[in-house]
Amino acid sequence: MDYFNDLNPYLVRQDPAPAETPDTTPTPAPAPTPNQTPGTPSTPSVTPAPVIDQAYVENILRINVGKLGTFYFTYTGSNEWRDRIFKGIIEQAGRDHFILHDPKTGKRYLLQLVYLEWAEFDEALNYQYPYQ
């Protein structure tokens, strides 16, 4: 057990596949489909499972790229930068950061999510991924 990986909220765990014992019983051949001639192998159609992302702040920001918002940050170790407010348009969002563009000044900020306290938007937010 890795202590730090157990605390990581971004780590997606997959249980290891159980050890399979070799099956020595022969499996019967599937019956041919109407469009298939007997003796031709068939390829099973497999539908991939949809990817389901959880509602982390990074994902919410990612699906709301292009929206104007006000972002409140607290930097606890600094007296000069203790509480800061940034207003701008979300350009990109990563796992632990996002890029904000201030249209008034033209500046771009690379901001770490660990310091984000909350965000406010004047328009409705997308909360569901488009493919869901």
N, C-alpha and C. Protein backbone atom coordinates (compact mmCIF):
# COMPACT_ATOMS: atom_id res chain seq x y z
N MET A 1 0.85 -1.18 0.00
CA MET A 1 0.00 0.00 0.00
C MET A 1 0.89 1.24 0.00
N ASP A 2 0.69 2.13 -0.93
CA ASP A 2 1.46 3.35 -1.03
C ASP A 2 0.66 4.46 -0.35
N TYR A 3 1.20 4.98 0.73
CA TYR A 3 0.48 5.96 1.54
C TYR A 3 0.07 7.18 0.73
N PHE A 4 1.00 7.74 -0.07
CA PHE A 4 0.72 8.96 -0.80
C PHE A 4 -0.28 8.74 -1.92
N ASN A 5 -0.23 7.61 -2.60
CA ASN A 5 -1.20 7.35 -3.65
C ASN A 5 -2.60 7.14 -3.09
N ASP A 6 -2.70 6.65 -1.84
CA ASP A 6 -4.01 6.48 -1.22
C ASP A 6 -4.65 7.83 -0.92
N LEU A 7 -3.85 8.89 -0.78
CA LEU A 7 -4.39 10.21 -0.47
C LEU A 7 -4.65 11.03 -1.72
N ASN A 8 -4.20 10.57 -2.87
CA ASN A 8 -4.32 11.33 -4.11
C ASN A 8 -5.74 11.22 -4.65
N PRO A 9 -6.51 12.34 -4.69
CA PRO A 9 -7.89 12.26 -5.17
C PRO A 9 -7.98 12.08 -6.68
N TYR A 10 -6.87 12.33 -7.40
CA TYR A 10 -6.88 12.22 -8.85
C TYR A 10 -6.52 10.82 -9.32
N LEU A 11 -6.09 9.97 -8.42
CA LEU A 11 -5.67 8.63 -8.78
C LEU A 11 -6.91 7.76 -9.01
N VAL A 12 -7.00 7.18 -10.17
CA VAL A 12 -8.13 6.31 -10.49
C VAL A 12 -7.67 4.89 -10.27
N ARG A 13 -8.27 4.24 -9.32
CA ARG A 13 -7.87 2.88 -8.99
C ARG A 13 -8.62 1.88 -9.85
N GLN A 14 -7.89 0.87 -10.26
CA GLN A 14 -8.51 -0.24 -10.94
C GLN A 14 -8.05 -1.49 -10.21
N ASP A 15 -9.02 -2.27 -9.76
CA ASP A 15 -8.67 -3.49 -9.06
C ASP A 15 -7.98 -4.43 -10.03
N PRO A 16 -6.93 -5.10 -9.58
CA PRO A 16 -6.27 -6.03 -10.49
C PRO A 16 -7.22 -7.16 -10.87
N ALA A 17 -7.07 -7.62 -12.10
CA ALA A 17 -7.93 -8.71 -12.58
C ALA A 17 -7.62 -9.97 -11.78
N PRO A 18 -8.64 -10.72 -11.39
CA PRO A 18 -8.38 -11.95 -10.64
C PRO A 18 -7.61 -12.93 -11.51
N ALA A 19 -6.75 -13.66 -10.86
CA ALA A 19 -5.96 -14.65 -11.59
C ALA A 19 -6.89 -15.70 -12.17
N GLU A 20 -6.81 -15.85 -13.46
CA GLU A 20 -7.69 -16.81 -14.12
C GLU A 20 -6.99 -18.16 -14.21
N THR A 21 -7.77 -19.18 -13.96
CA THR A 21 -7.23 -20.53 -14.10
C THR A 21 -7.52 -20.99 -15.51
N PRO A 22 -6.58 -21.69 -16.13
CA PRO A 22 -6.83 -22.12 -17.50
C PRO A 22 -8.02 -23.06 -17.57
N ASP A 23 -8.91 -22.77 -18.48
CA ASP A 23 -10.12 -23.57 -18.66
C ASP A 23 -9.83 -24.57 -19.78
N THR A 24 -9.94 -25.83 -19.46
CA THR A 24 -9.61 -26.85 -20.45
C THR A 24 -10.84 -27.38 -21.17
N THR A 25 -12.03 -26.90 -20.78
CA THR A 25 -13.23 -27.38 -21.47
C THR A 25 -13.39 -26.65 -22.78
N PRO A 26 -13.67 -27.37 -23.86
CA PRO A 26 -13.81 -26.69 -25.15
C PRO A 26 -15.09 -25.87 -25.18
N THR A 27 -15.01 -24.71 -25.79
CA THR A 27 -16.19 -23.86 -25.91
C THR A 27 -16.83 -24.11 -27.27
N PRO A 28 -18.13 -24.20 -27.29
CA PRO A 28 -18.78 -24.44 -28.58
C PRO A 28 -18.68 -23.22 -29.48
N ALA A 29 -18.62 -23.44 -30.77
CA ALA A 29 -18.54 -22.35 -31.74
C ALA A 29 -19.89 -21.63 -31.77
N PRO A 30 -19.88 -20.30 -31.88
CA PRO A 30 -21.14 -19.56 -31.91
C PRO A 30 -21.90 -19.86 -33.20
N ALA A 31 -23.20 -19.77 -33.09
CA ALA A 31 -24.04 -20.03 -34.26
C ALA A 31 -23.83 -18.91 -35.27
N PRO A 32 -23.81 -19.22 -36.56
CA PRO A 32 -23.60 -18.15 -37.55
C PRO A 32 -24.78 -17.19 -37.59
N THR A 33 -24.45 -15.93 -37.80
CA THR A 33 -25.49 -14.92 -37.92
C THR A 33 -26.11 -15.01 -39.31
N PRO A 34 -27.26 -14.37 -39.54
CA PRO A 34 -27.92 -14.50 -40.84
C PRO A 34 -27.03 -14.05 -42.01
N ASN A 35 -26.19 -13.07 -41.82
CA ASN A 35 -25.35 -12.58 -42.91
C ASN A 35 -24.00 -13.29 -42.99
N GLN A 36 -23.80 -14.27 -42.15
CA GLN A 36 -22.51 -14.95 -42.09
C GLN A 36 -22.66 -16.36 -42.61
N THR A 37 -21.70 -16.76 -43.39
CA THR A 37 -21.73 -18.14 -43.89
C THR A 37 -21.08 -19.04 -42.87
N PRO A 38 -21.56 -20.27 -42.72
CA PRO A 38 -20.96 -21.17 -41.73
C PRO A 38 -19.49 -21.40 -42.05
N GLY A 39 -18.68 -21.45 -41.01
CA GLY A 39 -17.26 -21.70 -41.18
C GLY A 39 -16.43 -20.42 -41.20
N THR A 40 -17.05 -19.25 -41.32
CA THR A 40 -16.30 -17.99 -41.29
C THR A 40 -16.28 -17.47 -39.86
N PRO A 41 -15.11 -17.05 -39.40
CA PRO A 41 -15.04 -16.54 -38.01
C PRO A 41 -15.80 -15.22 -37.89
N SER A 42 -16.42 -15.04 -36.76
CA SER A 42 -17.15 -13.80 -36.51
C SER A 42 -16.36 -12.93 -35.53
N THR A 43 -16.47 -11.65 -35.68
CA THR A 43 -15.83 -10.73 -34.75
C THR A 43 -16.90 -10.15 -33.86
N PRO A 44 -16.75 -10.36 -32.56
CA PRO A 44 -17.77 -9.81 -31.66
C PRO A 44 -17.68 -8.28 -31.64
N SER A 45 -18.84 -7.64 -31.63
CA SER A 45 -18.82 -6.17 -31.55
C SER A 45 -18.78 -5.79 -30.08
N VAL A 46 -17.79 -4.98 -29.74
CA VAL A 46 -17.60 -4.54 -28.37
C VAL A 46 -17.82 -3.04 -28.32
N THR A 47 -18.74 -2.62 -27.49
CA THR A 47 -19.00 -1.20 -27.30
C THR A 47 -18.17 -0.72 -26.12
N PRO A 48 -17.27 0.26 -26.35
CA PRO A 48 -16.45 0.73 -25.23
C PRO A 48 -17.30 1.44 -24.19
N ALA A 49 -16.91 1.26 -22.94
CA ALA A 49 -17.63 1.92 -21.84
C ALA A 49 -17.33 3.41 -21.88
N PRO A 50 -18.30 4.26 -21.60
CA PRO A 50 -18.05 5.70 -21.61
C PRO A 50 -17.12 6.09 -20.47
N VAL A 51 -16.29 7.07 -20.75
CA VAL A 51 -15.39 7.58 -19.72
C VAL A 51 -16.19 8.54 -18.85
N ILE A 52 -16.16 8.32 -17.57
CA ILE A 52 -16.92 9.17 -16.65
C ILE A 52 -15.93 9.94 -15.79
N ASP A 53 -15.91 11.25 -15.96
CA ASP A 53 -15.05 12.09 -15.14
C ASP A 53 -15.83 12.56 -13.93
N GLN A 54 -15.09 12.72 -12.85
CA GLN A 54 -15.75 13.19 -11.64
C GLN A 54 -15.77 14.71 -11.65
N ALA A 55 -16.59 15.28 -10.82
CA ALA A 55 -16.80 16.72 -10.81
C ALA A 55 -15.74 17.42 -9.96
N TYR A 56 -14.48 17.30 -10.37
CA TYR A 56 -13.42 18.05 -9.73
C TYR A 56 -13.42 19.46 -10.31
N VAL A 57 -12.87 20.41 -9.58
CA VAL A 57 -12.82 21.79 -10.03
C VAL A 57 -12.11 21.87 -11.38
N GLU A 58 -11.04 21.13 -11.55
CA GLU A 58 -10.30 21.16 -12.81
C GLU A 58 -11.18 20.77 -13.99
N ASN A 59 -12.03 19.78 -13.81
CA ASN A 59 -12.92 19.34 -14.89
C ASN A 59 -14.02 20.36 -15.15
N ILE A 60 -14.53 20.97 -14.10
CA ILE A 60 -15.56 22.00 -14.27
C ILE A 60 -14.99 23.20 -15.01
N LEU A 61 -13.77 23.60 -14.68
CA LEU A 61 -13.12 24.70 -15.39
C LEU A 61 -12.88 24.31 -16.85
N ARG A 62 -12.47 23.08 -17.08
CA ARG A 62 -12.15 22.61 -18.43
C ARG A 62 -13.36 22.69 -19.36
N ILE A 63 -14.54 22.35 -18.84
CA ILE A 63 -15.72 22.38 -19.71
C ILE A 63 -16.37 23.77 -19.77
N ASN A 64 -15.76 24.73 -19.06
CA ASN A 64 -16.26 26.10 -19.11
C ASN A 64 -15.20 27.07 -19.65
N VAL A 65 -14.31 26.55 -20.47
CA VAL A 65 -13.30 27.39 -21.11
C VAL A 65 -14.02 28.44 -21.97
N GLY A 66 -13.53 29.67 -21.89
CA GLY A 66 -14.13 30.76 -22.66
C GLY A 66 -15.11 31.60 -21.85
N LYS A 67 -15.38 31.22 -20.63
CA LYS A 67 -16.33 31.98 -19.81
C LYS A 67 -15.59 32.95 -18.89
N LEU A 68 -16.22 34.09 -18.67
CA LEU A 68 -15.68 35.13 -17.81
C LEU A 68 -16.05 34.83 -16.37
N GLY A 69 -15.08 34.92 -15.47
CA GLY A 69 -15.35 34.65 -14.07
C GLY A 69 -14.45 35.47 -13.16
N THR A 70 -14.81 35.49 -11.89
CA THR A 70 -14.01 36.13 -10.86
C THR A 70 -13.52 35.03 -9.93
N PHE A 71 -12.20 35.00 -9.69
CA PHE A 71 -11.58 33.91 -8.95
C PHE A 71 -10.89 34.46 -7.71
N TYR A 72 -11.20 33.87 -6.58
CA TYR A 72 -10.69 34.34 -5.29
C TYR A 72 -9.63 33.37 -4.79
N PHE A 73 -8.45 33.93 -4.51
CA PHE A 73 -7.31 33.12 -4.08
C PHE A 73 -6.83 33.59 -2.72
N THR A 74 -6.29 32.65 -1.94
CA THR A 74 -5.66 32.97 -0.66
C THR A 74 -4.28 32.32 -0.65
N TYR A 75 -3.27 33.15 -0.42
CA TYR A 75 -1.89 32.68 -0.30
C TYR A 75 -1.52 32.86 1.16
N THR A 76 -1.61 31.80 1.94
CA THR A 76 -1.48 31.89 3.40
C THR A 76 -0.08 32.27 3.87
N GLY A 77 0.95 31.98 3.11
CA GLY A 77 2.31 32.26 3.58
C GLY A 77 2.82 33.63 3.21
N SER A 78 2.00 34.49 2.63
CA SER A 78 2.47 35.79 2.15
C SER A 78 1.63 36.91 2.74
N ASN A 79 2.31 37.95 3.24
CA ASN A 79 1.58 39.12 3.74
C ASN A 79 1.19 40.04 2.60
N GLU A 80 2.05 40.13 1.57
CA GLU A 80 1.80 41.03 0.43
C GLU A 80 0.71 40.46 -0.49
N TRP A 81 0.69 39.15 -0.66
CA TRP A 81 -0.26 38.51 -1.59
C TRP A 81 -1.29 37.69 -0.82
N ARG A 82 -1.63 38.06 0.36
CA ARG A 82 -2.51 37.24 1.22
C ARG A 82 -3.80 36.84 0.51
N ASP A 83 -4.61 37.78 0.10
CA ASP A 83 -5.86 37.50 -0.61
C ASP A 83 -5.83 38.26 -1.93
N ARG A 84 -6.09 37.54 -3.00
CA ARG A 84 -6.06 38.14 -4.33
C ARG A 84 -7.32 37.78 -5.10
N ILE A 85 -7.77 38.69 -5.94
CA ILE A 85 -8.93 38.45 -6.79
C ILE A 85 -8.48 38.64 -8.24
N PHE A 86 -8.77 37.65 -9.07
CA PHE A 86 -8.47 37.71 -10.49
C PHE A 86 -9.78 37.61 -11.26
N LYS A 87 -9.92 38.47 -12.25
CA LYS A 87 -11.11 38.42 -13.09
C LYS A 87 -10.65 38.23 -14.52
N GLY A 88 -11.22 37.26 -15.21
CA GLY A 88 -10.82 37.03 -16.58
C GLY A 88 -11.53 35.85 -17.20
N ILE A 89 -11.08 35.53 -18.41
CA ILE A 89 -11.67 34.45 -19.20
C ILE A 89 -10.78 33.22 -19.09
N ILE A 90 -11.38 32.08 -18.81
CA ILE A 90 -10.63 30.83 -18.71
C ILE A 90 -10.17 30.44 -20.12
N GLU A 91 -8.85 30.29 -20.28
CA GLU A 91 -8.32 29.87 -21.58
C GLU A 91 -8.03 28.38 -21.62
N GLN A 92 -7.44 27.86 -20.58
CA GLN A 92 -7.10 26.43 -20.50
C GLN A 92 -7.21 26.02 -19.04
N ALA A 93 -7.41 24.73 -18.83
CA ALA A 93 -7.45 24.21 -17.47
C ALA A 93 -6.70 22.89 -17.45
N GLY A 94 -5.81 22.74 -16.49
CA GLY A 94 -5.04 21.51 -16.35
C GLY A 94 -5.41 20.81 -15.07
N ARG A 95 -4.58 19.86 -14.71
CA ARG A 95 -4.87 19.05 -13.53
C ARG A 95 -4.78 19.86 -12.24
N ASP A 96 -3.80 20.76 -12.15
CA ASP A 96 -3.62 21.51 -10.92
C ASP A 96 -3.51 23.02 -11.16
N HIS A 97 -3.86 23.47 -12.35
CA HIS A 97 -3.70 24.88 -12.68
C HIS A 97 -4.71 25.27 -13.77
N PHE A 98 -4.80 26.56 -14.02
CA PHE A 98 -5.55 27.03 -15.18
C PHE A 98 -4.98 28.36 -15.64
N ILE A 99 -5.24 28.69 -16.90
CA ILE A 99 -4.76 29.94 -17.48
C ILE A 99 -5.94 30.88 -17.63
N LEU A 100 -5.76 32.07 -17.11
CA LEU A 100 -6.81 33.08 -17.10
C LEU A 100 -6.33 34.28 -17.92
N HIS A 101 -7.19 34.80 -18.78
CA HIS A 101 -6.86 35.96 -19.61
C HIS A 101 -7.71 37.14 -19.14
N ASP A 102 -7.04 38.21 -18.75
CA ASP A 102 -7.75 39.43 -18.34
C ASP A 102 -7.93 40.30 -19.58
N PRO A 103 -9.17 40.43 -20.09
CA PRO A 103 -9.37 41.21 -21.31
C PRO A 103 -9.11 42.71 -21.15
N LYS A 104 -9.19 43.23 -19.93
CA LYS A 104 -8.97 44.66 -19.72
C LYS A 104 -7.49 45.03 -19.84
N THR A 105 -6.63 44.19 -19.27
CA THR A 105 -5.19 44.50 -19.28
C THR A 105 -4.43 43.72 -20.35
N GLY A 106 -5.02 42.64 -20.85
CA GLY A 106 -4.33 41.80 -21.82
C GLY A 106 -3.39 40.80 -21.19
N LYS A 107 -3.29 40.81 -19.87
CA LYS A 107 -2.40 39.88 -19.17
C LYS A 107 -3.00 38.49 -19.11
N ARG A 108 -2.12 37.50 -19.05
CA ARG A 108 -2.53 36.11 -18.84
C ARG A 108 -1.88 35.63 -17.55
N TYR A 109 -2.66 34.89 -16.78
CA TYR A 109 -2.18 34.39 -15.50
C TYR A 109 -2.22 32.87 -15.50
N LEU A 110 -1.17 32.27 -15.00
CA LEU A 110 -1.13 30.83 -14.75
C LEU A 110 -1.34 30.67 -13.26
N LEU A 111 -2.50 30.14 -12.88
CA LEU A 111 -2.89 30.10 -11.47
C LEU A 111 -3.02 28.65 -10.99
N GLN A 112 -2.53 28.41 -9.79
CA GLN A 112 -2.60 27.06 -9.22
C GLN A 112 -3.92 26.87 -8.48
N LEU A 113 -4.55 25.73 -8.72
CA LEU A 113 -5.86 25.46 -8.09
C LEU A 113 -5.76 25.27 -6.58
N VAL A 114 -4.59 24.93 -6.08
CA VAL A 114 -4.46 24.69 -4.64
C VAL A 114 -4.76 25.96 -3.84
N TYR A 115 -4.56 27.14 -4.44
CA TYR A 115 -4.82 28.39 -3.74
C TYR A 115 -6.21 28.96 -4.01
N LEU A 116 -6.96 28.34 -4.89
CA LEU A 116 -8.31 28.83 -5.24
C LEU A 116 -9.28 28.57 -4.09
N GLU A 117 -9.98 29.61 -3.68
CA GLU A 117 -11.00 29.47 -2.64
C GLU A 117 -12.37 29.24 -3.26
N TRP A 118 -12.78 30.13 -4.18
CA TRP A 118 -14.05 29.96 -4.89
C TRP A 118 -14.01 30.79 -6.16
N ALA A 119 -15.01 30.59 -6.98
CA ALA A 119 -15.12 31.33 -8.24
C ALA A 119 -16.56 31.77 -8.42
N GLU A 120 -16.75 32.90 -9.08
CA GLU A 120 -18.08 33.42 -9.38
C GLU A 120 -18.19 33.67 -10.87
N PHE A 121 -19.34 33.34 -11.43
CA PHE A 121 -19.60 33.54 -12.85
C PHE A 121 -20.92 34.27 -12.99
N ASP A 122 -21.03 35.15 -14.00
CA ASP A 122 -22.27 35.87 -14.24
C ASP A 122 -23.20 35.12 -15.18
N GLU A 123 -22.75 33.99 -15.71
CA GLU A 123 -23.57 33.19 -16.62
C GLU A 123 -23.62 31.75 -16.12
N ALA A 124 -24.53 31.01 -16.68
CA ALA A 124 -24.69 29.61 -16.27
C ALA A 124 -23.44 28.81 -16.63
N LEU A 125 -23.10 27.87 -15.78
CA LEU A 125 -21.93 27.02 -16.01
C LEU A 125 -22.37 25.69 -16.62
N ASN A 126 -21.49 25.15 -17.45
CA ASN A 126 -21.67 23.77 -17.92
C ASN A 126 -21.15 22.88 -16.82
N TYR A 127 -21.94 21.89 -16.46
CA TYR A 127 -21.53 20.98 -15.40
C TYR A 127 -21.42 19.55 -15.90
N GLN A 128 -22.03 19.25 -17.03
CA GLN A 128 -22.00 17.90 -17.60
C GLN A 128 -21.13 17.93 -18.84
N TYR A 129 -20.40 16.86 -19.05
CA TYR A 129 -19.60 16.77 -20.26
C TYR A 129 -20.53 16.65 -21.47
N PRO A 130 -20.15 17.19 -22.61
CA PRO A 130 -21.02 17.18 -23.78
C PRO A 130 -21.40 15.77 -24.25
N TYR A 131 -20.54 14.79 -24.04
CA TYR A 131 -20.82 13.44 -24.53
C TYR A 131 -21.66 12.63 -23.57
N GLN A 132 -22.06 13.16 -22.45
CA GLN A 132 -22.87 12.40 -21.50
C GLN A 132 -24.34 12.64 -21.73
